[in-house]
Amino acid sequence: MTFSVSYVEFDGGGAACLRLAGELDLGTAPELTAAIDRLTAAGETRVLLDLTDLTFCDSTGMAVFVRGDNQAAADGGWLRLTGANGRVERVLRVTGLADVLRYEPESVDPASRSAS
């Protein structure tokens, strides 16, 4: 399966939203890194990643999430995740990233969560 990352309109919380689909791994992680870098270079400090259509994520993908959050936090913002399911959600929980990145599957509004 291929990987895609696309910018989507999001009306809540003043965040830029990227929708991920397919498999995020060593070969595709640079594409997500580049998309996050473009957003931060454009001044976006709040980034929401919609993982609804992400079917696989390895440790390289998880590292991109952490790097993106660190990058946003350095500018006073954050990176949040939403919509993960199946194996992707399980990996987020097992690794502890669900807590670190304040993942809440039932909420797609990052403003509803504390950004600190």
C-alpha atoms as a PDB file:
ATOM      1  CA  MET A   1       0.000   0.000   0.000  1.00  0.00           C
ATOM      2  CA  THR A   2       1.198   3.506  -0.713  1.00  0.00           C
ATOM      3  CA  PHE A   3       1.380   6.460   1.626  1.00  0.00           C
ATOM      4  CA  SER A   4      -0.136   9.884   1.170  1.00  0.00           C
ATOM      5  CA  VAL A   5      -0.268  13.041   3.209  1.00  0.00           C
ATOM      6  CA  SER A   6      -2.676  15.804   2.314  1.00  0.00           C
ATOM      7  CA  TYR A   7      -3.613  19.161   3.789  1.00  0.00           C
ATOM      8  CA  VAL A   8      -7.273  19.338   4.751  1.00  0.00           C
ATOM      9  CA  GLU A   9      -9.418  22.239   5.861  1.00  0.00           C
ATOM     10  CA  PHE A  10     -10.141  22.159   9.570  1.00  0.00           C
ATOM     11  CA  ASP A  11     -12.400  24.701  11.255  1.00  0.00           C
ATOM     12  CA  GLY A  12     -11.534  24.078  14.889  1.00  0.00           C
ATOM     13  CA  GLY A  13      -8.766  25.240  17.165  1.00  0.00           C
ATOM     14  CA  GLY A  14      -6.728  27.228  14.663  1.00  0.00           C
ATOM     15  CA  ALA A  15      -4.690  24.178  13.715  1.00  0.00           C
ATOM     16  CA  ALA A  16      -3.330  23.075  10.370  1.00  0.00           C
ATOM     17  CA  CYS A  17      -4.581  19.560   9.631  1.00  0.00           C
ATOM     18  CA  LEU A  18      -2.820  16.846   7.680  1.00  0.00           C
ATOM     19  CA  ARG A  19      -4.612  13.622   6.733  1.00  0.00           C
ATOM     20  CA  LEU A  20      -2.376  10.565   6.514  1.00  0.00           C
ATOM     21  CA  ALA A  21      -3.286   7.424   4.569  1.00  0.00           C
ATOM     22  CA  GLY A  22      -1.557   4.119   3.970  1.00  0.00           C
ATOM     23  CA  GLU A  23       1.679   2.953   5.561  1.00  0.00           C
ATOM     24  CA  LEU A  24       4.047   5.277   7.391  1.00  0.00           C
ATOM     25  CA  ASP A  25       7.476   3.669   7.607  1.00  0.00           C
ATOM     26  CA  LEU A  26      11.170   4.227   6.885  1.00  0.00           C
ATOM     27  CA  GLY A  27      10.497   4.732   3.190  1.00  0.00           C
ATOM     28  CA  THR A  28       7.581   7.152   3.555  1.00  0.00           C
ATOM     29  CA  ALA A  29       8.461   9.066   6.728  1.00  0.00           C
ATOM     30  CA  PRO A  30      10.449  11.723   4.808  1.00  0.00           C
ATOM     31  CA  GLU A  31       7.235  12.725   3.012  1.00  0.00           C
ATOM     32  CA  LEU A  32       5.494  13.453   6.337  1.00  0.00           C
ATOM     33  CA  THR A  33       8.587  15.206   7.698  1.00  0.00           C
ATOM     34  CA  ALA A  34       8.633  17.474   4.632  1.00  0.00           C
ATOM     35  CA  ALA A  35       4.915  18.270   5.006  1.00  0.00           C
ATOM     36  CA  ILE A  36       5.335  19.200   8.681  1.00  0.00           C
ATOM     37  CA  ASP A  37       8.429  21.266   7.834  1.00  0.00           C
ATOM     38  CA  ARG A  38       6.465  23.172   5.164  1.00  0.00           C
ATOM     39  CA  LEU A  39       3.720  23.980   7.685  1.00  0.00           C
ATOM     40  CA  THR A  40       6.124  25.189  10.353  1.00  0.00           C
ATOM     41  CA  ALA A  41       8.092  27.221   7.789  1.00  0.00           C
ATOM     42  CA  ALA A  42       4.782  28.885   6.874  1.00  0.00           C
ATOM     43  CA  GLY A  43       4.304  29.878  10.521  1.00  0.00           C
ATOM     44  CA  GLU A  44       1.919  27.132  11.612  1.00  0.00           C
ATOM     45  CA  THR A  45       2.542  26.228  15.258  1.00  0.00           C
ATOM     46  CA  ARG A  46      -0.450  23.949  15.805  1.00  0.00           C
ATOM     47  CA  VAL A  47      -0.588  20.804  13.713  1.00  0.00           C
ATOM     48  CA  LEU A  48      -3.263  18.121  13.836  1.00  0.00           C
ATOM     49  CA  LEU A  49      -2.543  14.776  12.179  1.00  0.00           C
ATOM     50  CA  ASP A  50      -5.645  12.809  11.182  1.00  0.00           C
ATOM     51  CA  LEU A  51      -4.659   9.132  11.287  1.00  0.00           C
ATOM     52  CA  THR A  52      -8.059   7.707  10.337  1.00  0.00           C
ATOM     53  CA  ASP A  53      -6.761   6.197   7.078  1.00  0.00           C
ATOM     54  CA  LEU A  54      -3.288   5.259   8.354  1.00  0.00           C
ATOM     55  CA  THR A  55      -3.040   1.457   8.286  1.00  0.00           C
ATOM     56  CA  PHE A  56       0.531   1.001   9.548  1.00  0.00           C
ATOM     57  CA  CYS A  57       3.106   3.045  11.438  1.00  0.00           C
ATOM     58  CA  ASP A  58       6.549   1.849  12.499  1.00  0.00           C
ATOM     59  CA  SER A  59       9.047   3.431  14.884  1.00  0.00           C
ATOM     60  CA  THR A  60      10.283   5.778  12.153  1.00  0.00           C
ATOM     61  CA  GLY A  61       6.786   7.194  11.787  1.00  0.00           C
ATOM     62  CA  MET A  62       6.447   7.542  15.550  1.00  0.00           C
ATOM     63  CA  ALA A  63       9.758   9.441  15.587  1.00  0.00           C
ATOM     64  CA  VAL A  64       8.340  11.868  12.993  1.00  0.00           C
ATOM     65  CA  PHE A  65       5.364  12.521  15.300  1.00  0.00           C
ATOM     66  CA  VAL A  66       7.700  13.282  18.229  1.00  0.00           C
ATOM     67  CA  ARG A  67       9.995  15.427  16.077  1.00  0.00           C
ATOM     68  CA  GLY A  68       6.986  17.376  14.786  1.00  0.00           C
ATOM     69  CA  ASP A  69       5.711  17.959  18.309  1.00  0.00           C
ATOM     70  CA  ASN A  70       9.155  19.100  19.484  1.00  0.00           C
ATOM     71  CA  GLN A  71       9.447  21.433  16.506  1.00  0.00           C
ATOM     72  CA  ALA A  72       5.998  22.932  17.130  1.00  0.00           C
ATOM     73  CA  ALA A  73       6.622  23.222  20.884  1.00  0.00           C
ATOM     74  CA  ALA A  74       9.832  25.160  20.217  1.00  0.00           C
ATOM     75  CA  ASP A  75       7.625  27.773  18.547  1.00  0.00           C
ATOM     76  CA  GLY A  76       5.020  27.728  21.342  1.00  0.00           C
ATOM     77  CA  GLY A  77       2.666  25.262  19.643  1.00  0.00           C
ATOM     78  CA  TRP A  78       1.940  21.552  19.494  1.00  0.00           C
ATOM     79  CA  LEU A  79       1.324  18.544  17.300  1.00  0.00           C
ATOM     80  CA  ARG A  80      -1.702  16.384  18.084  1.00  0.00           C
ATOM     81  CA  LEU A  81      -3.021  13.104  16.712  1.00  0.00           C
ATOM     82  CA  THR A  82      -6.585  12.007  16.090  1.00  0.00           C
ATOM     83  CA  GLY A  83      -8.458   9.173  14.421  1.00  0.00           C
ATOM     84  CA  ALA A  84      -6.014   6.298  14.897  1.00  0.00           C
ATOM     85  CA  ASN A  85      -7.528   2.838  14.916  1.00  0.00           C
ATOM     86  CA  GLY A  86      -6.496  -0.795  14.967  1.00  0.00           C
ATOM     87  CA  ARG A  87      -2.764  -1.478  15.049  1.00  0.00           C
ATOM     88  CA  VAL A  88      -1.821   2.192  14.787  1.00  0.00           C
ATOM     89  CA  GLU A  89      -3.816   3.088  17.887  1.00  0.00           C
ATOM     90  CA  ARG A  90      -2.396   0.098  19.745  1.00  0.00           C
ATOM     91  CA  VAL A  91       1.187   1.141  18.952  1.00  0.00           C
ATOM     92  CA  LEU A  92       0.454   4.694  20.146  1.00  0.00           C
ATOM     93  CA  ARG A  93      -0.822   3.333  23.446  1.00  0.00           C
ATOM     94  CA  VAL A  94       1.877   0.677  23.957  1.00  0.00           C
ATOM     95  CA  THR A  95       4.697   3.158  23.286  1.00  0.00           C
ATOM     96  CA  GLY A  96       3.177   5.828  25.537  1.00  0.00           C
ATOM     97  CA  LEU A  97       2.919   8.321  22.678  1.00  0.00           C
ATOM     98  CA  ALA A  98      -0.851   8.473  23.150  1.00  0.00           C
ATOM     99  CA  ASP A  99      -0.158  10.223  26.467  1.00  0.00           C
ATOM    100  CA  VAL A 100       2.810  12.294  25.287  1.00  0.00           C
ATOM    101  CA  LEU A 101       0.911  13.645  22.275  1.00  0.00           C
ATOM    102  CA  ARG A 102      -2.397  13.864  24.180  1.00  0.00           C
ATOM    103  CA  TYR A 103      -4.181  11.513  21.800  1.00  0.00           C
ATOM    104  CA  GLU A 104      -7.948  11.396  22.281  1.00  0.00           C
ATOM    105  CA  PRO A 105      -9.721   9.208  19.723  1.00  0.00           C
ATOM    106  CA  GLU A 106     -13.175  10.607  20.419  1.00  0.00           C
ATOM    107  CA  SER A 107     -12.161  14.224  19.893  1.00  0.00           C
ATOM    108  CA  VAL A 108     -11.084  15.833  16.643  1.00  0.00           C
ATOM    109  CA  ASP A 109     -10.890  19.313  18.167  1.00  0.00           C
ATOM    110  CA  PRO A 110      -7.350  19.964  19.404  1.00  0.00           C
ATOM    111  CA  ALA A 111      -8.519  23.133  21.134  1.00  0.00           C
ATOM    112  CA  SER A 112     -10.521  20.954  23.516  1.00  0.00           C
ATOM    113  CA  ARG A 113      -7.261  19.634  24.955  1.00  0.00           C
ATOM    114  CA  SER A 114      -4.676  21.436  26.998  1.00  0.00           C
ATOM    115  CA  ALA A 115      -1.775  22.516  24.829  1.00  0.00           C
ATOM    116  CA  SER A 116       0.631  22.808  27.729  1.00  0.00           C
END
